[in-house]
C-alpha atoms as a PDB file:
ATOM      1  CA  GLU A   1      -7.895  -3.922  10.123  1.00  0.00           C
ATOM      2  CA  ALA A   2     -10.019  -0.902   9.204  1.00  0.00           C
ATOM      3  CA  ALA A   3      -7.093   0.862   7.510  1.00  0.00           C
ATOM      4  CA  ALA A   4      -6.181  -2.289   5.594  1.00  0.00           C
ATOM      5  CA  ARG A   5      -9.734  -2.996   4.456  1.00  0.00           C
ATOM      6  CA  ARG A   6     -10.377   0.461   3.077  1.00  0.00           C
ATOM      7  CA  SER A   7      -7.021   1.099   1.425  1.00  0.00           C
ATOM      8  CA  GLY A   8      -7.035  -2.373  -0.101  1.00  0.00           C
ATOM      9  CA  ARG A   9      -9.939  -1.331  -2.307  1.00  0.00           C
ATOM     10  CA  LEU A  10      -7.431   0.637  -4.402  1.00  0.00           C
ATOM     11  CA  LEU A  11      -4.954  -2.201  -4.828  1.00  0.00           C
ATOM     12  CA  GLY A  12      -3.160  -1.941  -8.157  1.00  0.00           C
ATOM     13  CA  ARG A  13      -4.896   1.252  -9.266  1.00  0.00           C
ATOM     14  CA  GLY A  14      -1.850   3.529  -9.130  1.00  0.00           C
ATOM     15  CA  GLN A  15      -3.487   5.812  -6.551  1.00  0.00           C
ATOM     16  CA  LYS A  16      -1.086   5.746  -3.623  1.00  0.00           C
ATOM     17  CA  ASP A  17      -2.150   9.092  -2.110  1.00  0.00           C
ATOM     18  CA  GLU A  18      -5.819   8.186  -2.328  1.00  0.00           C
ATOM     19  CA  ALA A  19      -5.155   4.791  -0.722  1.00  0.00           C
ATOM     20  CA  ASP A  20      -3.208   6.457   2.078  1.00  0.00           C
ATOM     21  CA  GLY A  21      -6.060   8.914   2.617  1.00  0.00           C
ATOM     22  CA  LEU A  22      -8.565   6.079   2.981  1.00  0.00           C
ATOM     23  CA  ALA A  23      -6.329   4.253   5.461  1.00  0.00           C
ATOM     24  CA  VAL A  24      -5.745   7.377   7.561  1.00  0.00           C
ATOM     25  CA  ASP A  25      -9.448   8.175   7.679  1.00  0.00           C
ATOM     26  CA  ALA A  26     -10.404   4.613   8.622  1.00  0.00           C
ATOM     27  CA  MET A  27      -7.787   4.356  11.365  1.00  0.00           C
ATOM     28  CA  ARG A  28      -8.732   7.763  12.771  1.00  0.00           C
ATOM     29  CA  GLN A  29     -12.413   6.790  12.893  1.00  0.00           C
ATOM     30  CA  ALA A  30     -11.576   3.518  14.640  1.00  0.00           C
ATOM     31  CA  PHE A  31      -9.678   5.372  17.361  1.00  0.00           C
ATOM     32  CA  ASP A  32     -12.867   7.250  18.246  1.00  0.00           C
ATOM     33  CA  SER A  33     -14.327   4.008  19.637  1.00  0.00           C
ATOM     34  CA  VAL A  34     -11.294   3.063  21.768  1.00  0.00           C
ATOM     35  CA  ARG A  35     -11.297   3.994  25.463  1.00  0.00           C
ATOM     36  CA  ILE A  36      -7.903   5.677  25.599  1.00  0.00           C
ATOM     37  CA  SER A  37      -6.530   9.203  25.715  1.00  0.00           C
ATOM     38  CA  GLY A  38      -3.874   8.802  23.050  1.00  0.00           C
ATOM     39  CA  THR A  39      -1.225  11.149  21.695  1.00  0.00           C
ATOM     40  CA  VAL A  40       0.191  10.438  18.238  1.00  0.00           C
ATOM     41  CA  VAL A  41       3.984  10.614  18.643  1.00  0.00           C
ATOM     42  CA  ILE A  42       4.789   9.023  15.275  1.00  0.00           C
ATOM     43  CA  GLY A  43       2.273   9.644  12.523  1.00  0.00           C
ATOM     44  CA  GLU A  44       1.536  11.091   9.124  1.00  0.00           C
ATOM     45  CA  GLY A  45       3.699  14.191   9.616  1.00  0.00           C
ATOM     46  CA  GLU A  46       3.497  17.555  11.330  1.00  0.00           C
ATOM     47  CA  ILE A  47       0.190  19.320  11.997  1.00  0.00           C
ATOM     48  CA  ASP A  48       0.596  21.497   8.874  1.00  0.00           C
ATOM     49  CA  GLU A  49       1.336  18.463   6.684  1.00  0.00           C
ATOM     50  CA  ALA A  50      -1.445  16.028   7.592  1.00  0.00           C
ATOM     51  CA  PRO A  51      -5.168  16.514   8.247  1.00  0.00           C
ATOM     52  CA  MET A  52      -5.342  13.525  10.641  1.00  0.00           C
ATOM     53  CA  LEU A  53      -3.021  11.317  12.678  1.00  0.00           C
ATOM     54  CA  TYR A  54      -0.438  14.097  12.701  1.00  0.00           C
ATOM     55  CA  ILE A  55       2.281  14.229  15.349  1.00  0.00           C
ATOM     56  CA  GLY A  56       0.780  15.614  18.537  1.00  0.00           C
ATOM     57  CA  GLU A  57      -2.854  14.842  17.662  1.00  0.00           C
ATOM     58  CA  HIS A  58      -5.047  13.537  20.498  1.00  0.00           C
ATOM     59  CA  VAL A  59      -7.221  10.525  19.703  1.00  0.00           C
ATOM     60  CA  GLY A  60      -9.472   8.118  21.548  1.00  0.00           C
ATOM     61  CA  ALA A  61     -12.730   8.165  23.472  1.00  0.00           C
ATOM     62  CA  GLY A  62     -11.102   8.960  26.818  1.00  0.00           C
ATOM     63  CA  GLY A  63      -9.255   6.711  29.246  1.00  0.00           C
ATOM     64  CA  PRO A  64      -5.640   5.831  30.132  1.00  0.00           C
ATOM     65  CA  GLU A  65      -3.008   8.119  28.606  1.00  0.00           C
ATOM     66  CA  VAL A  66      -0.928   6.372  25.945  1.00  0.00           C
ATOM     67  CA  ASP A  67       1.595   7.112  23.203  1.00  0.00           C
ATOM     68  CA  ILE A  68       0.682   5.969  19.707  1.00  0.00           C
ATOM     69  CA  ALA A  69       2.888   5.316  16.672  1.00  0.00           C
ATOM     70  CA  VAL A  70       1.038   4.670  13.413  1.00  0.00           C
ATOM     71  CA  ASP A  71       1.686   4.065   9.762  1.00  0.00           C
ATOM     72  CA  PRO A  72      -1.752   3.507   8.199  1.00  0.00           C
ATOM     73  CA  ILE A  73       0.012   2.151   5.123  1.00  0.00           C
ATOM     74  CA  GLU A  74       3.607   1.059   5.136  1.00  0.00           C
ATOM     75  CA  GLY A  75       4.182   0.683   1.428  1.00  0.00           C
ATOM     76  CA  THR A  76       1.830   3.033  -0.425  1.00  0.00           C
ATOM     77  CA  ASN A  77       3.814   2.367  -3.610  1.00  0.00           C
ATOM     78  CA  LEU A  78       3.286  -1.358  -3.086  1.00  0.00           C
ATOM     79  CA  ILE A  79      -0.498  -0.905  -3.001  1.00  0.00           C
ATOM     80  CA  ALA A  80      -0.466   1.398  -6.020  1.00  0.00           C
ATOM     81  CA  LYS A  81       1.560  -1.132  -8.015  1.00  0.00           C
ATOM     82  CA  GLY A  82      -0.238  -4.211  -6.683  1.00  0.00           C
ATOM     83  CA  GLN A  83       2.961  -5.579  -5.152  1.00  0.00           C
ATOM     84  CA  ASN A  84       3.541  -7.696  -2.056  1.00  0.00           C
ATOM     85  CA  GLY A  85       4.479  -6.472   1.421  1.00  0.00           C
ATOM     86  CA  ALA A  86       2.090  -3.582   2.220  1.00  0.00           C
ATOM     87  CA  ILE A  87       0.815  -3.481   5.811  1.00  0.00           C
ATOM     88  CA  ALA A  88      -1.163  -1.245   8.161  1.00  0.00           C
ATOM     89  CA  VAL A  89       0.850  -0.952  11.374  1.00  0.00           C
ATOM     90  CA  MET A  90       0.544   0.548  14.851  1.00  0.00           C
ATOM     91  CA  ALA A  91       2.173   0.472  18.297  1.00  0.00           C
ATOM     92  CA  ILE A  92       0.691   1.699  21.577  1.00  0.00           C
ATOM     93  CA  ALA A  93       2.627   2.228  24.817  1.00  0.00           C
ATOM     94  CA  GLU A  94       2.126   3.956  28.134  1.00  0.00           C
ATOM     95  CA  LYS A  95       2.542   7.742  28.029  1.00  0.00           C
ATOM     96  CA  GLY A  96       6.228   8.545  27.550  1.00  0.00           C
ATOM     97  CA  GLY A  97       6.982   5.034  26.345  1.00  0.00           C
ATOM     98  CA  LEU A  98       7.835   5.815  22.697  1.00  0.00           C
ATOM     99  CA  LEU A  99      10.436   8.130  21.203  1.00  0.00           C
ATOM    100  CA  HIS A 100       8.991  11.399  19.900  1.00  0.00           C
ATOM    101  CA  ALA A 101      10.782  12.113  16.621  1.00  0.00           C
ATOM    102  CA  PRO A 102      10.151  14.189  13.486  1.00  0.00           C
ATOM    103  CA  ASP A 103       9.537  12.542  10.122  1.00  0.00           C
ATOM    104  CA  MET A 104      13.168  12.421   8.962  1.00  0.00           C
ATOM    105  CA  TYR A 105      15.863   9.901   8.053  1.00  0.00           C
ATOM    106  CA  MET A 106      17.076   7.305  10.527  1.00  0.00           C
ATOM    107  CA  GLU A 107      20.045   4.951  10.266  1.00  0.00           C
ATOM    108  CA  LYS A 108      19.126   1.542  11.704  1.00  0.00           C
ATOM    109  CA  ILE A 109      20.465  -1.862  12.566  1.00  0.00           C
ATOM    110  CA  CYS A 110      17.997  -4.506  13.774  1.00  0.00           C
ATOM    111  CA  VAL A 111      18.343  -8.123  14.897  1.00  0.00           C
ATOM    112  CA  GLY A 112      16.072 -10.738  16.430  1.00  0.00           C
ATOM    113  CA  PRO A 113      16.299 -12.300  19.902  1.00  0.00           C
ATOM    114  CA  ARG A 114      19.207 -14.597  19.029  1.00  0.00           C
ATOM    115  CA  GLY A 115      21.321 -11.644  17.891  1.00  0.00           C
ATOM    116  CA  ALA A 116      20.394  -9.309  20.751  1.00  0.00           C
ATOM    117  CA  GLY A 117      23.357  -7.619  22.404  1.00  0.00           C
ATOM    118  CA  ALA A 118      25.705  -8.228  19.465  1.00  0.00           C
ATOM    119  CA  ILE A 119      25.151  -4.988  17.519  1.00  0.00           C
ATOM    120  CA  ASP A 120      26.910  -1.627  17.694  1.00  0.00           C
ATOM    121  CA  ILE A 121      25.943   1.030  15.144  1.00  0.00           C
ATOM    122  CA  THR A 122      29.255   2.860  15.682  1.00  0.00           C
ATOM    123  CA  LYS A 123      31.145  -0.156  14.309  1.00  0.00           C
ATOM    124  CA  SER A 124      31.468  -1.237  10.683  1.00  0.00           C
ATOM    125  CA  LEU A 125      28.902  -3.447   9.007  1.00  0.00           C
ATOM    126  CA  THR A 126      31.581  -6.124   8.723  1.00  0.00           C
ATOM    127  CA  GLU A 127      32.102  -6.178  12.497  1.00  0.00           C
ATOM    128  CA  ASN A 128      28.369  -6.247  13.148  1.00  0.00           C
ATOM    129  CA  ILE A 129      27.750  -9.135  10.763  1.00  0.00           C
ATOM    130  CA  GLN A 130      30.621 -11.104  12.309  1.00  0.00           C
ATOM    131  CA  ASN A 131      29.427 -10.428  15.850  1.00  0.00           C
ATOM    132  CA  VAL A 132      25.816 -11.338  15.059  1.00  0.00           C
ATOM    133  CA  ALA A 133      26.931 -14.521  13.289  1.00  0.00           C
ATOM    134  CA  ALA A 134      29.011 -15.523  16.311  1.00  0.00           C
ATOM    135  CA  LYS A 135      26.153 -14.773  18.724  1.00  0.00           C
ATOM    136  CA  MET A 136      23.723 -16.810  16.627  1.00  0.00           C
ATOM    137  CA  GLY A 137      26.145 -19.693  16.152  1.00  0.00           C
ATOM    138  CA  ARG A 138      26.149 -19.268  12.375  1.00  0.00           C
ATOM    139  CA  LYS A 139      28.761 -18.785   9.704  1.00  0.00           C
ATOM    140  CA  VAL A 140      28.945 -15.343   8.104  1.00  0.00           C
ATOM    141  CA  ASP A 141      27.742 -16.750   4.783  1.00  0.00           C
ATOM    142  CA  GLU A 142      24.603 -17.988   6.570  1.00  0.00           C
ATOM    143  CA  ILE A 143      23.558 -14.481   7.636  1.00  0.00           C
ATOM    144  CA  ASN A 144      20.760 -12.849   5.625  1.00  0.00           C
ATOM    145  CA  LEU A 145      20.505  -9.061   5.640  1.00  0.00           C
ATOM    146  CA  VAL A 146      17.565  -6.978   4.448  1.00  0.00           C
ATOM    147  CA  MET A 147      18.020  -3.423   3.230  1.00  0.00           C
ATOM    148  CA  LEU A 148      16.173  -0.939   1.066  1.00  0.00           C
ATOM    149  CA  ASP A 149      17.291  -0.949  -2.565  1.00  0.00           C
ATOM    150  CA  ARG A 150      18.665   2.598  -2.583  1.00  0.00           C
ATOM    151  CA  GLU A 151      21.812   4.133  -4.069  1.00  0.00           C
ATOM    152  CA  ARG A 152      22.843   5.314  -0.597  1.00  0.00           C
ATOM    153  CA  HIS A 153      23.242   1.646   0.387  1.00  0.00           C
ATOM    154  CA  TYR A 154      25.538   0.596  -2.449  1.00  0.00           C
ATOM    155  CA  GLY A 155      28.594   0.765  -0.177  1.00  0.00           C
ATOM    156  CA  LEU A 156      26.903  -1.413   2.450  1.00  0.00           C
ATOM    157  CA  MET A 157      25.851  -3.888  -0.220  1.00  0.00           C
ATOM    158  CA  LYS A 158      29.416  -4.267  -1.470  1.00  0.00           C
ATOM    159  CA  GLU A 159      30.819  -4.601   2.057  1.00  0.00           C
ATOM    160  CA  ALA A 160      28.330  -7.319   2.999  1.00  0.00           C
ATOM    161  CA  ARG A 161      28.813  -9.250  -0.235  1.00  0.00           C
ATOM    162  CA  ASP A 162      32.597  -9.028  -0.034  1.00  0.00           C
ATOM    163  CA  LEU A 163      32.313 -10.566   3.430  1.00  0.00           C
ATOM    164  CA  GLY A 164      30.138 -13.375   2.071  1.00  0.00           C
ATOM    165  CA  ALA A 165      26.821 -12.432   3.680  1.00  0.00           C
ATOM    166  CA  ARG A 166      23.598 -12.589   1.692  1.00  0.00           C
ATOM    167  CA  ILE A 167      21.429  -9.536   0.958  1.00  0.00           C
ATOM    168  CA  MET A 168      17.699  -9.384   0.312  1.00  0.00           C
ATOM    169  CA  LEU A 169      16.801  -6.034  -1.257  1.00  0.00           C
ATOM    170  CA  ILE A 170      13.345  -4.529  -0.784  1.00  0.00           C
ATOM    171  CA  SER A 171      11.755  -1.624  -2.633  1.00  0.00           C
ATOM    172  CA  ASP A 172       9.730  -0.188   0.268  1.00  0.00           C
ATOM    173  CA  GLY A 173       8.874  -0.761   3.925  1.00  0.00           C
ATOM    174  CA  ASP A 174      11.415  -1.828   6.540  1.00  0.00           C
ATOM    175  CA  VAL A 175       8.995  -2.596   9.417  1.00  0.00           C
ATOM    176  CA  ASN A 176       8.040  -5.922   7.839  1.00  0.00           C
ATOM    177  CA  PRO A 177      11.589  -7.357   7.837  1.00  0.00           C
ATOM    178  CA  ALA A 178      12.152  -6.057  11.392  1.00  0.00           C
ATOM    179  CA  MET A 179       9.173  -8.189  12.444  1.00  0.00           C
ATOM    180  CA  GLU A 180      10.578 -11.125  10.499  1.00  0.00           C
ATOM    181  CA  CYS A 181      13.861 -10.876  12.446  1.00  0.00           C
ATOM    182  CA  CYS A 182      11.881 -11.980  15.498  1.00  0.00           C
ATOM    183  CA  ILE A 183      10.211 -14.986  13.878  1.00  0.00           C
ATOM    184  CA  GLU A 184      12.280 -18.149  14.049  1.00  0.00           C
ATOM    185  CA  GLY A 185      12.637 -19.681  10.599  1.00  0.00           C
ATOM    186  CA  SER A 186      11.785 -16.489   8.686  1.00  0.00           C
ATOM    187  CA  GLY A 187      15.251 -16.408   7.095  1.00  0.00           C
ATOM    188  CA  VAL A 188      15.809 -12.748   8.076  1.00  0.00           C
ATOM    189  CA  HIS A 189      18.640 -12.173  10.545  1.00  0.00           C
ATOM    190  CA  MET A 190      19.461  -8.473  10.258  1.00  0.00           C
ATOM    191  CA  VAL A 191      17.938  -5.272   8.872  1.00  0.00           C
ATOM    192  CA  VAL A 192      20.386  -2.469   8.116  1.00  0.00           C
ATOM    193  CA  GLY A 193      20.481   0.887   6.346  1.00  0.00           C
ATOM    194  CA  THR A 194      18.856   4.297   6.365  1.00  0.00           C
ATOM    195  CA  GLY A 195      15.101   4.770   6.104  1.00  0.00           C
ATOM    196  CA  GLY A 196      12.347   6.748   7.781  1.00  0.00           C
ATOM    197  CA  ALA A 197      12.311   7.579  11.488  1.00  0.00           C
ATOM    198  CA  PRO A 198       8.588   6.737  11.869  1.00  0.00           C
ATOM    199  CA  GLU A 199       9.213   3.255  10.488  1.00  0.00           C
ATOM    200  CA  GLY A 200      12.226   3.021  12.805  1.00  0.00           C
ATOM    201  CA  VAL A 201      10.179   3.618  15.950  1.00  0.00           C
ATOM    202  CA  LEU A 202       7.544   1.113  14.791  1.00  0.00           C
ATOM    203  CA  ALA A 203      10.268  -1.444  14.070  1.00  0.00           C
ATOM    204  CA  ALA A 204      11.712  -0.808  17.534  1.00  0.00           C
ATOM    205  CA  ALA A 205       8.298  -1.468  19.081  1.00  0.00           C
ATOM    206  CA  ALA A 206       8.048  -4.829  17.325  1.00  0.00           C
ATOM    207  CA  LEU A 207      11.585  -5.769  18.335  1.00  0.00           C
ATOM    208  CA  LYS A 208      11.044  -4.686  21.950  1.00  0.00           C
ATOM    209  CA  CYS A 209       7.866  -6.757  22.194  1.00  0.00           C
ATOM    210  CA  ALA A 210       9.483  -9.855  20.726  1.00  0.00           C
ATOM    211  CA  GLY A 211      12.878  -9.716  22.460  1.00  0.00           C
ATOM    212  CA  GLY A 212      14.952  -8.403  19.560  1.00  0.00           C
ATOM    213  CA  ASP A 213      17.466  -5.553  19.537  1.00  0.00           C
ATOM    214  CA  MET A 214      18.020  -2.338  17.610  1.00  0.00           C
ATOM    215  CA  GLN A 215      20.264   0.712  17.478  1.00  0.00           C
ATOM    216  CA  ALA A 216      19.645   3.862  15.445  1.00  0.00           C
ATOM    217  CA  ARG A 217      20.693   7.433  14.710  1.00  0.00           C
ATOM    218  CA  LEU A 218      18.562  10.319  13.424  1.00  0.00           C
ATOM    219  CA  LEU A 219      20.210  11.842  10.348  1.00  0.00           C
ATOM    220  CA  PRO A 220      19.612  15.340   8.914  1.00  0.00           C
ATOM    221  CA  ARG A 221      18.511  15.307   5.292  1.00  0.00           C
ATOM    222  CA  ASN A 222      21.707  16.866   3.920  1.00  0.00           C
ATOM    223  CA  GLU A 223      23.787  13.986   5.327  1.00  0.00           C
ATOM    224  CA  VAL A 224      21.681  11.510   3.329  1.00  0.00           C
ATOM    225  CA  LYS A 225      20.658  13.397   0.194  1.00  0.00           C
ATOM    226  CA  GLY A 226      23.581  15.818  -0.256  1.00  0.00           C
ATOM    227  CA  ASP A 227      24.479  19.396   0.653  1.00  0.00           C
ATOM    228  CA  THR A 228      22.162  21.322  -1.653  1.00  0.00           C
ATOM    229  CA  GLU A 229      20.718  24.570  -0.333  1.00  0.00           C
ATOM    230  CA  GLU A 230      17.253  23.017  -0.109  1.00  0.00           C
ATOM    231  CA  ASN A 231      18.532  19.983   1.786  1.00  0.00           C
ATOM    232  CA  LYS A 232      20.518  22.147   4.201  1.00  0.00           C
ATOM    233  CA  LYS A 233      17.419  24.237   4.881  1.00  0.00           C
ATOM    234  CA  ILE A 234      15.339  21.119   5.553  1.00  0.00           C
ATOM    235  CA  ALA A 235      18.127  19.725   7.744  1.00  0.00           C
ATOM    236  CA  SER A 236      18.224  22.906   9.811  1.00  0.00           C
ATOM    237  CA  ASP A 237      14.485  22.616  10.423  1.00  0.00           C
ATOM    238  CA  GLU A 238      14.855  18.928  11.354  1.00  0.00           C
ATOM    239  CA  ILE A 239      17.576  19.721  13.877  1.00  0.00           C
ATOM    240  CA  GLN A 240      15.399  22.404  15.469  1.00  0.00           C
ATOM    241  CA  ARG A 241      12.411  20.057  15.680  1.00  0.00           C
ATOM    242  CA  CYS A 242      14.588  17.358  17.250  1.00  0.00           C
ATOM    243  CA  ALA A 243      15.819  19.842  19.855  1.00  0.00           C
ATOM    244  CA  ALA A 244      12.228  20.819  20.656  1.00  0.00           C
ATOM    245  CA  LEU A 245      11.403  17.132  21.234  1.00  0.00           C
ATOM    246  CA  GLY A 246      14.490  16.558  23.377  1.00  0.00           C
ATOM    247  CA  VAL A 247      16.441  14.350  20.955  1.00  0.00           C
ATOM    248  CA  LYS A 248      19.707  14.942  19.112  1.00  0.00           C
ATOM    249  CA  VAL A 249      20.694  14.110  15.549  1.00  0.00           C
ATOM    250  CA  ASN A 250      23.561  11.652  15.061  1.00  0.00           C
ATOM    251  CA  GLU A 251      23.256  10.481  18.677  1.00  0.00           C
ATOM    252  CA  VAL A 252      23.228   6.703  19.186  1.00  0.00           C
ATOM    253  CA  LEU A 253      19.758   5.562  20.190  1.00  0.00           C
ATOM    254  CA  LYS A 254      19.546   2.126  21.749  1.00  0.00           C
ATOM    255  CA  LEU A 255      16.369   0.063  21.877  1.00  0.00           C
ATOM    256  CA  GLU A 256      15.550   1.347  25.365  1.00  0.00           C
ATOM    257  CA  ASP A 257      15.782   4.928  24.045  1.00  0.00           C
ATOM    258  CA  LEU A 258      13.373   4.193  21.204  1.00  0.00           C
ATOM    259  CA  VAL A 259      10.925   2.198  23.354  1.00  0.00           C
ATOM    260  CA  ARG A 260      11.296   2.901  27.050  1.00  0.00           C
ATOM    261  CA  ASP A 261       9.539  -0.102  28.637  1.00  0.00           C
ATOM    262  CA  ASP A 262       7.867  -3.353  27.687  1.00  0.00           C
ATOM    263  CA  ASN A 263       4.325  -2.301  28.581  1.00  0.00           C
ATOM    264  CA  LEU A 264       3.239  -1.941  24.976  1.00  0.00           C
ATOM    265  CA  VAL A 265       1.563  -3.728  22.090  1.00  0.00           C
ATOM    266  CA  PHE A 266       2.508  -3.856  18.420  1.00  0.00           C
ATOM    267  CA  THR A 267       0.136  -4.851  15.663  1.00  0.00           C
ATOM    268  CA  ALA A 268       0.158  -5.050  11.866  1.00  0.00           C
ATOM    269  CA  THR A 269      -2.439  -6.169   9.333  1.00  0.00           C
ATOM    270  CA  GLY A 270      -1.519  -7.401   5.876  1.00  0.00           C
ATOM    271  CA  ILE A 271      -2.889  -5.401   2.954  1.00  0.00           C
ATOM    272  CA  THR A 272      -1.067  -7.250   0.218  1.00  0.00           C
ATOM    273  CA  ASN A 273       0.512 -10.697   0.582  1.00  0.00           C
ATOM    274  CA  GLY A 274       3.854 -10.914   2.349  1.00  0.00           C
ATOM    275  CA  ASP A 275       6.180 -13.523   3.819  1.00  0.00           C
ATOM    276  CA  LEU A 276       4.731 -12.962   7.304  1.00  0.00           C
ATOM    277  CA  LEU A 277       1.131 -11.854   6.704  1.00  0.00           C
ATOM    278  CA  LYS A 278      -1.485 -12.706   4.105  1.00  0.00           C
ATOM    279  CA  GLY A 279      -3.108  -9.822   2.297  1.00  0.00           C
ATOM    280  CA  ILE A 280      -6.798  -9.023   2.216  1.00  0.00           C
ATOM    281  CA  SER A 281      -9.026 -11.334   0.238  1.00  0.00           C
ATOM    282  CA  ARG A 282     -12.614 -10.559  -0.749  1.00  0.00           C
ATOM    283  CA  LYS A 283     -15.521 -12.605  -1.951  1.00  0.00           C
ATOM    284  CA  GLY A 284     -18.856 -10.899  -2.335  1.00  0.00           C
ATOM    285  CA  ASN A 285     -19.860  -9.324   0.962  1.00  0.00           C
ATOM    286  CA  LEU A 286     -17.021 -10.928   2.934  1.00  0.00           C
ATOM    287  CA  ALA A 287     -13.397  -9.930   3.430  1.00  0.00           C
ATOM    288  CA  SER A 288     -10.712 -11.750   5.385  1.00  0.00           C
ATOM    289  CA  THR A 289      -7.684 -10.173   7.050  1.00  0.00           C
ATOM    290  CA  GLU A 290      -4.629 -11.522   8.850  1.00  0.00           C
ATOM    291  CA  THR A 291      -3.098  -9.561  11.722  1.00  0.00           C
ATOM    292  CA  ILE A 292      -0.066 -10.083  13.944  1.00  0.00           C
ATOM    293  CA  LEU A 293      -0.347  -8.855  17.528  1.00  0.00           C
ATOM    294  CA  ILE A 294       2.677  -8.843  19.835  1.00  0.00           C
ATOM    295  CA  ARG A 295       2.356  -8.093  23.547  1.00  0.00           C
ATOM    296  CA  GLY A 296       5.500  -6.704  25.128  1.00  0.00           C
ATOM    297  CA  LYS A 297       5.168  -7.857  28.735  1.00  0.00           C
ATOM    298  CA  SER A 298       4.617 -11.523  27.901  1.00  0.00           C
ATOM    299  CA  CYS A 299       6.439 -11.547  24.544  1.00  0.00           C
ATOM    300  CA  THR A 300       3.389 -13.323  23.117  1.00  0.00           C
ATOM    301  CA  ILE A 301       3.028 -13.326  19.330  1.00  0.00           C
ATOM    302  CA  ARG A 302      -0.486 -13.919  18.058  1.00  0.00           C
ATOM    303  CA  LYS A 303      -1.840 -14.338  14.535  1.00  0.00           C
ATOM    304  CA  ILE A 304      -5.446 -13.196  14.193  1.00  0.00           C
ATOM    305  CA  GLN A 305      -7.541 -14.202  11.198  1.00  0.00           C
ATOM    306  CA  SER A 306     -10.757 -12.204  10.860  1.00  0.00           C
ATOM    307  CA  ILE A 307     -13.802 -12.300   8.600  1.00  0.00           C
ATOM    308  CA  HIS A 308     -15.601  -9.004   7.973  1.00  0.00           C
ATOM    309  CA  TYR A 309     -19.133  -8.410   6.707  1.00  0.00           C
ATOM    310  CA  LEU A 310     -18.459  -5.447   4.476  1.00  0.00           C
ATOM    311  CA  ASP A 311     -22.014  -4.158   4.198  1.00  0.00           C
ATOM    312  CA  ARG A 312     -21.976  -3.546   7.958  1.00  0.00           C
ATOM    313  CA  LYS A 313     -18.589  -1.858   8.066  1.00  0.00           C
ATOM    314  CA  ASP A 314     -17.756  -0.100   4.824  1.00  0.00           C
ATOM    315  CA  SER A 315     -21.019   0.897   3.154  1.00  0.00           C
ATOM    316  CA  GLU A 316     -20.186   4.604   3.265  1.00  0.00           C
ATOM    317  CA  ILE A 317     -16.742   4.152   1.731  1.00  0.00           C
ATOM    318  CA  TYR A 318     -18.261   2.134  -1.112  1.00  0.00           C
ATOM    319  CA  LYS A 319     -20.477   5.106  -1.940  1.00  0.00           C
ATOM    320  CA  ILE A 320     -17.494   7.441  -1.946  1.00  0.00           C
ATOM    321  CA  LEU A 321     -15.485   5.164  -4.245  1.00  0.00           C
ATOM    322  CA  ASN A 322     -18.493   4.296  -6.397  1.00  0.00           C
ATOM    323  CA  ILE A 323     -17.638   0.573  -6.221  1.00  0.00           C
END
């Protein structure tokens, strides 16, 4: 909520880095009041890339040891452009419960509870769509896939359309549709394609909590962006960082590899309006937020609507922004 409230002040202003900075700062401050001893395993980047919420940072006011995956803003471009679908998102699990992975590319395939057990990332998209359709008791032309609108996905788009499946393209943020896979009636049945590893672990947390399924593979940059010298250098560094964290590139990661048990919680707050969550609305001194909270052990999905008195929470940030 804190990350959403602060970053939402820059909605539509074209300042994606500034919005991200506000969200990171707000989330980091909020952690200081929480009685946990947390380690950020998925965050804003490596220690030399991010001032706060970097991978390996310790947060919390002291207490049980937990792993934390955060994305203070999923969809910084969406906030900058005033578009729908931006969220602030986080997952917390017992220590050792979440995959430790560098900020790199990840190939993913996600389904909700009704499609669980029917996916295999080593098989073609055609086979996966057919298997998921059969498991869900649907026709292939009744299956809706979500994927990022990227050139690297053009082949997948053609394959799915040739088969008769329907595709919903998104510009940014693949955690949102992973959540939607788990909500009956959302109209999202599968999420496929290559995106960020941090978003992949967060998506896995949501799917684990809600009974969905996922498989993934970490991909070196040169395999996604091409074999330029710069990409090969970055890829070499990614492979070394993966080895240091005990994971391998191109290895199939099942849901239980990404999230190791169900003793976790996943939560996301809408910043801008989306199909699943309402964005922040403000009127004078009041702001309202909508948050989804999913508890893994009970598979309980809660929607939380909150009203915030801004003069009590954000007075300092108003001074900084001069608004």
